[in-house]
Amino acid sequence: MKRNITIAVEARLLRQARVFAARRGTSISAMLAMELQRIVEQEDIYAQSKRRALDYLRAPFHLGGKRIRERDTSHDRKSLR
């Protein structure tokens, strides 16, 4: 469902926006709606990316090295006796 909004802009900006919209064969309202949609979509993409990155940081990951031996195994002196 579409809803109307009211904004206040300088007269000069309004004139420029009308010319801009006319050159593109659209209305100021349609241009603003498309830009708002683009902003919201980018924000959603950013939020998803941030959530995914934070999930990666929370999850442990293996760096490819060998597992560290237990301390007792490393310091076993039976072989020296």
PDB file of N, CA and C in Angstrom:
ATOM      1  N   MET A   1       0.845  -1.170   0.000  1.00  0.00           N
ATOM      2  CA  MET A   1       0.000   0.000   0.000  1.00  0.00           C
ATOM      3  C   MET A   1       0.893   1.236   0.000  1.00  0.00           C
ATOM      4  N   LYS A   2       0.661   2.119  -0.918  1.00  0.00           N
ATOM      5  CA  LYS A   2       1.455   3.338  -1.007  1.00  0.00           C
ATOM      6  C   LYS A   2       0.874   4.406  -0.110  1.00  0.00           C
ATOM      7  N   ARG A   3       1.780   5.209   0.457  1.00  0.00           N
ATOM      8  CA  ARG A   3       1.381   6.316   1.325  1.00  0.00           C
ATOM      9  C   ARG A   3       2.059   7.581   0.839  1.00  0.00           C
ATOM     10  N   ASN A   4       1.425   8.700   1.003  1.00  0.00           N
ATOM     11  CA  ASN A   4       2.010   9.985   0.636  1.00  0.00           C
ATOM     12  C   ASN A   4       2.805  10.544   1.801  1.00  0.00           C
ATOM     13  N   ILE A   5       3.862  11.284   1.447  1.00  0.00           N
ATOM     14  CA  ILE A   5       4.648  11.986   2.460  1.00  0.00           C
ATOM     15  C   ILE A   5       4.832  13.424   1.987  1.00  0.00           C
ATOM     16  N   THR A   6       5.126  14.291   2.910  1.00  0.00           N
ATOM     17  CA  THR A   6       5.383  15.686   2.590  1.00  0.00           C
ATOM     18  C   THR A   6       6.796  16.029   3.035  1.00  0.00           C
ATOM     19  N   ILE A   7       7.538  16.689   2.140  1.00  0.00           N
ATOM     20  CA  ILE A   7       8.885  17.122   2.495  1.00  0.00           C
ATOM     21  C   ILE A   7       9.024  18.606   2.173  1.00  0.00           C
ATOM     22  N   ALA A   8       9.952  19.241   2.837  1.00  0.00           N
ATOM     23  CA  ALA A   8      10.228  20.656   2.582  1.00  0.00           C
ATOM     24  C   ALA A   8      11.631  20.774   2.011  1.00  0.00           C
ATOM     25  N   VAL A   9      11.736  21.392   0.828  1.00  0.00           N
ATOM     26  CA  VAL A   9      13.031  21.609   0.185  1.00  0.00           C
ATOM     27  C   VAL A   9      13.101  23.043  -0.317  1.00  0.00           C
ATOM     28  N   GLU A  10      14.300  23.499  -0.547  1.00  0.00           N
ATOM     29  CA  GLU A  10      14.498  24.834  -1.095  1.00  0.00           C
ATOM     30  C   GLU A  10      13.907  24.911  -2.502  1.00  0.00           C
ATOM     31  N   ALA A  11      13.432  26.082  -2.869  1.00  0.00           N
ATOM     32  CA  ALA A  11      12.800  26.285  -4.178  1.00  0.00           C
ATOM     33  C   ALA A  11      13.757  25.933  -5.309  1.00  0.00           C
ATOM     34  N   ARG A  12      15.011  26.324  -5.171  1.00  0.00           N
ATOM     35  CA  ARG A  12      16.000  26.040  -6.216  1.00  0.00           C
ATOM     36  C   ARG A  12      16.176  24.533  -6.408  1.00  0.00           C
ATOM     37  N   LEU A  13      16.258  23.806  -5.304  1.00  0.00           N
ATOM     38  CA  LEU A  13      16.393  22.353  -5.374  1.00  0.00           C
ATOM     39  C   LEU A  13      15.171  21.729  -6.035  1.00  0.00           C
ATOM     40  N   LEU A  14      13.998  22.223  -5.715  1.00  0.00           N
ATOM     41  CA  LEU A  14      12.769  21.699  -6.312  1.00  0.00           C
ATOM     42  C   LEU A  14      12.774  21.903  -7.816  1.00  0.00           C
ATOM     43  N   ARG A  15      13.180  23.083  -8.272  1.00  0.00           N
ATOM     44  CA  ARG A  15      13.246  23.349  -9.717  1.00  0.00           C
ATOM     45  C   ARG A  15      14.224  22.390 -10.391  1.00  0.00           C
ATOM     46  N   GLN A  16      15.385  22.223  -9.788  1.00  0.00           N
ATOM     47  CA  GLN A  16      16.386  21.318 -10.363  1.00  0.00           C
ATOM     48  C   GLN A  16      15.878  19.876 -10.389  1.00  0.00           C
ATOM     49  N   ALA A  17      15.196  19.480  -9.345  1.00  0.00           N
ATOM     50  CA  ALA A  17      14.652  18.120  -9.278  1.00  0.00           C
ATOM     51  C   ALA A  17      13.588  17.903 -10.346  1.00  0.00           C
ATOM     52  N   ARG A  18      12.762  18.902 -10.583  1.00  0.00           N
ATOM     53  CA  ARG A  18      11.730  18.787 -11.626  1.00  0.00           C
ATOM     54  C   ARG A  18      12.373  18.597 -12.999  1.00  0.00           C
ATOM     55  N   VAL A  19      13.411  19.393 -13.283  1.00  0.00           N
ATOM     56  CA  VAL A  19      14.119  19.267 -14.560  1.00  0.00           C
ATOM     57  C   VAL A  19      14.766  17.884 -14.663  1.00  0.00           C
ATOM     58  N   PHE A  20      15.424  17.475 -13.612  1.00  0.00           N
ATOM     59  CA  PHE A  20      16.086  16.166 -13.553  1.00  0.00           C
ATOM     60  C   PHE A  20      15.080  15.051 -13.837  1.00  0.00           C
ATOM     61  N   ALA A  21      13.943  15.100 -13.168  1.00  0.00           N
ATOM     62  CA  ALA A  21      12.913  14.070 -13.345  1.00  0.00           C
ATOM     63  C   ALA A  21      12.350  14.107 -14.767  1.00  0.00           C
ATOM     64  N   ALA A  22      12.102  15.306 -15.282  1.00  0.00           N
ATOM     65  CA  ALA A  22      11.537  15.431 -16.630  1.00  0.00           C
ATOM     66  C   ALA A  22      12.483  14.844 -17.671  1.00  0.00           C
ATOM     67  N   ARG A  23      13.776  15.068 -17.524  1.00  0.00           N
ATOM     68  CA  ARG A  23      14.760  14.516 -18.463  1.00  0.00           C
ATOM     69  C   ARG A  23      14.755  12.998 -18.452  1.00  0.00           C
ATOM     70  N   ARG A  24      14.391  12.447 -17.348  1.00  0.00           N
ATOM     71  CA  ARG A  24      14.357  10.985 -17.229  1.00  0.00           C
ATOM     72  C   ARG A  24      12.961  10.401 -17.443  1.00  0.00           C
ATOM     73  N   GLY A  25      12.017  11.255 -17.731  1.00  0.00           N
ATOM     74  CA  GLY A  25      10.661  10.786 -18.022  1.00  0.00           C
ATOM     75  C   GLY A  25       9.957  10.214 -16.804  1.00  0.00           C
ATOM     76  N   THR A  26      10.217  10.781 -15.644  1.00  0.00           N
ATOM     77  CA  THR A  26       9.596  10.292 -14.420  1.00  0.00           C
ATOM     78  C   THR A  26       9.165  11.473 -13.556  1.00  0.00           C
ATOM     79  N   SER A  27       8.665  11.189 -12.397  1.00  0.00           N
ATOM     80  CA  SER A  27       8.250  12.251 -11.475  1.00  0.00           C
ATOM     81  C   SER A  27       9.220  12.326 -10.303  1.00  0.00           C
ATOM     82  N   ILE A  28       9.172  13.436  -9.605  1.00  0.00           N
ATOM     83  CA  ILE A  28       9.986  13.577  -8.397  1.00  0.00           C
ATOM     84  C   ILE A  28       9.590  12.513  -7.396  1.00  0.00           C
ATOM     85  N   SER A  29       8.319  12.272  -7.272  1.00  0.00           N
ATOM     86  CA  SER A  29       7.827  11.266  -6.329  1.00  0.00           C
ATOM     87  C   SER A  29       8.402   9.887  -6.650  1.00  0.00           C
ATOM     88  N   ALA A  30       8.385   9.521  -7.937  1.00  0.00           N
ATOM     89  CA  ALA A  30       8.918   8.217  -8.340  1.00  0.00           C
ATOM     90  C   ALA A  30      10.427   8.141  -8.105  1.00  0.00           C
ATOM     91  N   MET A  31      11.129   9.235  -8.387  1.00  0.00           N
ATOM     92  CA  MET A  31      12.575   9.259  -8.152  1.00  0.00           C
ATOM     93  C   MET A  31      12.890   9.069  -6.679  1.00  0.00           C
ATOM     94  N   LEU A  32      12.175   9.779  -5.831  1.00  0.00           N
ATOM     95  CA  LEU A  32      12.412   9.668  -4.392  1.00  0.00           C
ATOM     96  C   LEU A  32      12.067   8.266  -3.884  1.00  0.00           C
ATOM     97  N   ALA A  33      10.986   7.711  -4.404  1.00  0.00           N
ATOM     98  CA  ALA A  33      10.595   6.356  -3.987  1.00  0.00           C
ATOM     99  C   ALA A  33      11.672   5.349  -4.372  1.00  0.00           C
ATOM    100  N   MET A  34      12.221   5.478  -5.598  1.00  0.00           N
ATOM    101  CA  MET A  34      13.275   4.561  -6.032  1.00  0.00           C
ATOM    102  C   MET A  34      14.535   4.729  -5.179  1.00  0.00           C
ATOM    103  N   GLU A  35      14.877   5.968  -4.859  1.00  0.00           N
ATOM    104  CA  GLU A  35      16.071   6.215  -4.049  1.00  0.00           C
ATOM    105  C   GLU A  35      15.895   5.686  -2.622  1.00  0.00           C
ATOM    106  N   LEU A  36      14.728   5.885  -2.055  1.00  0.00           N
ATOM    107  CA  LEU A  36      14.468   5.348  -0.716  1.00  0.00           C
ATOM    108  C   LEU A  36      14.540   3.822  -0.728  1.00  0.00           C
ATOM    109  N   GLN A  37      14.001   3.218  -1.781  1.00  0.00           N
ATOM    110  CA  GLN A  37      14.050   1.759  -1.910  1.00  0.00           C
ATOM    111  C   GLN A  37      15.501   1.286  -1.982  1.00  0.00           C
ATOM    112  N   ARG A  38      16.316   1.980  -2.759  1.00  0.00           N
ATOM    113  CA  ARG A  38      17.728   1.625  -2.899  1.00  0.00           C
ATOM    114  C   ARG A  38      18.451   1.733  -1.550  1.00  0.00           C
ATOM    115  N   ILE A  39      18.178   2.793  -0.811  1.00  0.00           N
ATOM    116  CA  ILE A  39      18.809   2.990   0.492  1.00  0.00           C
ATOM    117  C   ILE A  39      18.436   1.867   1.456  1.00  0.00           C
ATOM    118  N   VAL A  40      17.166   1.525   1.495  1.00  0.00           N
ATOM    119  CA  VAL A  40      16.691   0.461   2.395  1.00  0.00           C
ATOM    120  C   VAL A  40      17.312  -0.880   2.002  1.00  0.00           C
ATOM    121  N   GLU A  41      17.374  -1.174   0.709  1.00  0.00           N
ATOM    122  CA  GLU A  41      17.965  -2.438   0.258  1.00  0.00           C
ATOM    123  C   GLU A  41      19.443  -2.508   0.619  1.00  0.00           C
ATOM    124  N   GLN A  42      20.167  -1.407   0.437  1.00  0.00           N
ATOM    125  CA  GLN A  42      21.583  -1.397   0.801  1.00  0.00           C
ATOM    126  C   GLN A  42      21.768  -1.597   2.301  1.00  0.00           C
ATOM    127  N   GLU A  43      20.908  -0.988   3.080  1.00  0.00           N
ATOM    128  CA  GLU A  43      20.989  -1.144   4.532  1.00  0.00           C
ATOM    129  C   GLU A  43      20.728  -2.596   4.932  1.00  0.00           C
ATOM    130  N   ASP A  44      19.769  -3.249   4.269  1.00  0.00           N
ATOM    131  CA  ASP A  44      19.489  -4.664   4.538  1.00  0.00           C
ATOM    132  C   ASP A  44      20.690  -5.536   4.184  1.00  0.00           C
ATOM    133  N   ILE A  45      21.308  -5.262   3.034  1.00  0.00           N
ATOM    134  CA  ILE A  45      22.482  -6.028   2.613  1.00  0.00           C
ATOM    135  C   ILE A  45      23.612  -5.840   3.616  1.00  0.00           C
ATOM    136  N   TYR A  46      23.819  -4.596   4.059  1.00  0.00           N
ATOM    137  CA  TYR A  46      24.862  -4.317   5.038  1.00  0.00           C
ATOM    138  C   TYR A  46      24.594  -5.069   6.347  1.00  0.00           C
ATOM    139  N   ALA A  47      23.364  -5.034   6.807  1.00  0.00           N
ATOM    140  CA  ALA A  47      23.018  -5.700   8.067  1.00  0.00           C
ATOM    141  C   ALA A  47      23.247  -7.208   7.964  1.00  0.00           C
ATOM    142  N   GLN A  48      22.886  -7.804   6.826  1.00  0.00           N
ATOM    143  CA  GLN A  48      23.106  -9.239   6.635  1.00  0.00           C
ATOM    144  C   GLN A  48      24.594  -9.554   6.618  1.00  0.00           C
ATOM    145  N   SER A  49      25.372  -8.738   5.927  1.00  0.00           N
ATOM    146  CA  SER A  49      26.817  -8.949   5.853  1.00  0.00           C
ATOM    147  C   SER A  49      27.461  -8.808   7.227  1.00  0.00           C
ATOM    148  N   LYS A  50      27.026  -7.816   7.971  1.00  0.00           N
ATOM    149  CA  LYS A  50      27.571  -7.605   9.314  1.00  0.00           C
ATOM    150  C   LYS A  50      27.250  -8.792  10.211  1.00  0.00           C
ATOM    151  N   ARG A  51      26.010  -9.273  10.151  1.00  0.00           N
ATOM    152  CA  ARG A  51      25.600 -10.412  10.964  1.00  0.00           C
ATOM    153  C   ARG A  51      26.428 -11.649  10.600  1.00  0.00           C
ATOM    154  N   ARG A  52      26.646 -11.876   9.290  1.00  0.00           N
ATOM    155  CA  ARG A  52      27.423 -13.028   8.841  1.00  0.00           C
ATOM    156  C   ARG A  52      28.883 -12.911   9.306  1.00  0.00           C
ATOM    157  N   ALA A  53      29.455 -11.713   9.207  1.00  0.00           N
ATOM    158  CA  ALA A  53      30.842 -11.503   9.641  1.00  0.00           C
ATOM    159  C   ALA A  53      30.984 -11.733  11.142  1.00  0.00           C
ATOM    160  N   LEU A  54      30.039 -11.250  11.921  1.00  0.00           N
ATOM    161  CA  LEU A  54      30.093 -11.459  13.368  1.00  0.00           C
ATOM    162  C   LEU A  54      29.942 -12.927  13.723  1.00  0.00           C
ATOM    163  N   ASP A  55      29.116 -13.648  12.969  1.00  0.00           N
ATOM    164  CA  ASP A  55      28.983 -15.093  13.190  1.00  0.00           C
ATOM    165  C   ASP A  55      30.307 -15.802  12.924  1.00  0.00           C
ATOM    166  N   TYR A  56      31.024 -15.397  11.860  1.00  0.00           N
ATOM    167  CA  TYR A  56      32.334 -15.991  11.566  1.00  0.00           C
ATOM    168  C   TYR A  56      33.313 -15.728  12.701  1.00  0.00           C
ATOM    169  N   LEU A  57      33.270 -14.536  13.255  1.00  0.00           N
ATOM    170  CA  LEU A  57      34.186 -14.195  14.342  1.00  0.00           C
ATOM    171  C   LEU A  57      33.888 -14.982  15.613  1.00  0.00           C
ATOM    172  N   ARG A  58      32.632 -15.283  15.837  1.00  0.00           N
ATOM    173  CA  ARG A  58      32.246 -16.034  17.037  1.00  0.00           C
ATOM    174  C   ARG A  58      32.591 -17.514  16.934  1.00  0.00           C
ATOM    175  N   ALA A  59      32.625 -18.039  15.721  1.00  0.00           N
ATOM    176  CA  ALA A  59      32.877 -19.466  15.512  1.00  0.00           C
ATOM    177  C   ALA A  59      34.390 -19.717  15.450  1.00  0.00           C
ATOM    178  N   PRO A  60      34.876 -20.731  16.160  1.00  0.00           N
ATOM    179  CA  PRO A  60      36.308 -21.031  16.083  1.00  0.00           C
ATOM    180  C   PRO A  60      36.663 -21.560  14.697  1.00  0.00           C
ATOM    181  N   PHE A  61      37.872 -21.345  14.302  1.00  0.00           N
ATOM    182  CA  PHE A  61      38.305 -21.867  13.010  1.00  0.00           C
ATOM    183  C   PHE A  61      39.706 -22.439  13.142  1.00  0.00           C
ATOM    184  N   HIS A  62      39.984 -23.434  12.336  1.00  0.00           N
ATOM    185  CA  HIS A  62      41.253 -24.153  12.392  1.00  0.00           C
ATOM    186  C   HIS A  62      42.244 -23.477  11.443  1.00  0.00           C
ATOM    187  N   LEU A  63      43.420 -23.172  11.948  1.00  0.00           N
ATOM    188  CA  LEU A  63      44.426 -22.476  11.152  1.00  0.00           C
ATOM    189  C   LEU A  63      45.377 -23.429  10.424  1.00  0.00           C
ATOM    190  N   GLY A  64      45.161 -24.721  10.592  1.00  0.00           N
ATOM    191  CA  GLY A  64      45.943 -25.690   9.841  1.00  0.00           C
ATOM    192  C   GLY A  64      47.124 -26.297  10.584  1.00  0.00           C
ATOM    193  N   GLY A  65      47.419 -25.837  11.767  1.00  0.00           N
ATOM    194  CA  GLY A  65      48.543 -26.390  12.528  1.00  0.00           C
ATOM    195  C   GLY A  65      48.178 -27.701  13.200  1.00  0.00           C
ATOM    196  N   LYS A  66      49.214 -28.343  13.764  1.00  0.00           N
ATOM    197  CA  LYS A  66      48.963 -29.580  14.495  1.00  0.00           C
ATOM    198  C   LYS A  66      48.395 -29.245  15.865  1.00  0.00           C
ATOM    199  N   ARG A  67      47.692 -30.206  16.401  1.00  0.00           N
ATOM    200  CA  ARG A  67      47.108 -30.039  17.719  1.00  0.00           C
ATOM    201  C   ARG A  67      48.209 -30.044  18.770  1.00  0.00           C
ATOM    202  N   ILE A  68      48.108 -29.189  19.742  1.00  0.00           N
ATOM    203  CA  ILE A  68      49.105 -29.115  20.813  1.00  0.00           C
ATOM    204  C   ILE A  68      48.922 -30.319  21.738  1.00  0.00           C
ATOM    205  N   ARG A  69      50.041 -30.942  22.069  1.00  0.00           N
ATOM    206  CA  ARG A  69      49.981 -32.109  22.943  1.00  0.00           C
ATOM    207  C   ARG A  69      49.649 -31.677  24.363  1.00  0.00           C
ATOM    208  N   GLU A  70      49.185 -32.622  25.119  1.00  0.00           N
ATOM    209  CA  GLU A  70      48.917 -32.385  26.528  1.00  0.00           C
ATOM    210  C   GLU A  70      50.229 -32.086  27.241  1.00  0.00           C
ATOM    211  N   ARG A  71      50.200 -31.313  28.284  1.00  0.00           N
ATOM    212  CA  ARG A  71      51.402 -30.929  29.027  1.00  0.00           C
ATOM    213  C   ARG A  71      52.111 -32.152  29.593  1.00  0.00           C
ATOM    214  N   ASP A  72      51.348 -33.053  30.167  1.00  0.00           N
ATOM    215  CA  ASP A  72      51.954 -34.250  30.771  1.00  0.00           C
ATOM    216  C   ASP A  72      52.698 -35.084  29.736  1.00  0.00           C
ATOM    217  N   THR A  73      52.165 -35.179  28.541  1.00  0.00           N
ATOM    218  CA  THR A  73      52.817 -35.939  27.485  1.00  0.00           C
ATOM    219  C   THR A  73      54.103 -35.248  27.051  1.00  0.00           C
ATOM    220  N   SER A  74      54.070 -33.960  26.950  1.00  0.00           N
ATOM    221  CA  SER A  74      55.239 -33.192  26.520  1.00  0.00           C
ATOM    222  C   SER A  74      56.365 -33.261  27.544  1.00  0.00           C
ATOM    223  N   HIS A  75      56.016 -33.349  28.801  1.00  0.00           N
ATOM    224  CA  HIS A  75      57.016 -33.331  29.868  1.00  0.00           C
ATOM    225  C   HIS A  75      57.230 -34.701  30.505  1.00  0.00           C
ATOM    226  N   ASP A  76      56.879 -35.746  29.786  1.00  0.00           N
ATOM    227  CA  ASP A  76      57.075 -37.102  30.287  1.00  0.00           C
ATOM    228  C   ASP A  76      58.559 -37.412  30.304  1.00  0.00           C
ATOM    229  N   ARG A  77      59.108 -37.714  31.477  1.00  0.00           N
ATOM    230  CA  ARG A  77      60.549 -37.928  31.629  1.00  0.00           C
ATOM    231  C   ARG A  77      60.881 -39.430  31.780  1.00  0.00           C
ATOM    232  N   LYS A  78      59.893 -40.278  31.593  1.00  0.00           N
ATOM    233  CA  LYS A  78      60.140 -41.711  31.771  1.00  0.00           C
ATOM    234  C   LYS A  78      61.227 -42.195  30.806  1.00  0.00           C
ATOM    235  N   SER A  79      61.245 -41.645  29.626  1.00  0.00           N
ATOM    236  CA  SER A  79      62.239 -42.112  28.659  1.00  0.00           C
ATOM    237  C   SER A  79      63.663 -41.726  29.064  1.00  0.00           C
ATOM    238  N   LEU A  80      63.809 -40.757  29.931  1.00  0.00           N
ATOM    239  CA  LEU A  80      65.143 -40.343  30.383  1.00  0.00           C
ATOM    240  C   LEU A  80      65.620 -41.148  31.579  1.00  0.00           C
ATOM    241  N   ARG A  81      64.773 -41.949  32.168  1.00  0.00           N
ATOM    242  CA  ARG A  81      65.153 -42.732  33.361  1.00  0.00           C
ATOM    243  C   ARG A  81      65.769 -44.033  33.021  1.00  0.00           C
TER     244      ARG A  81
END
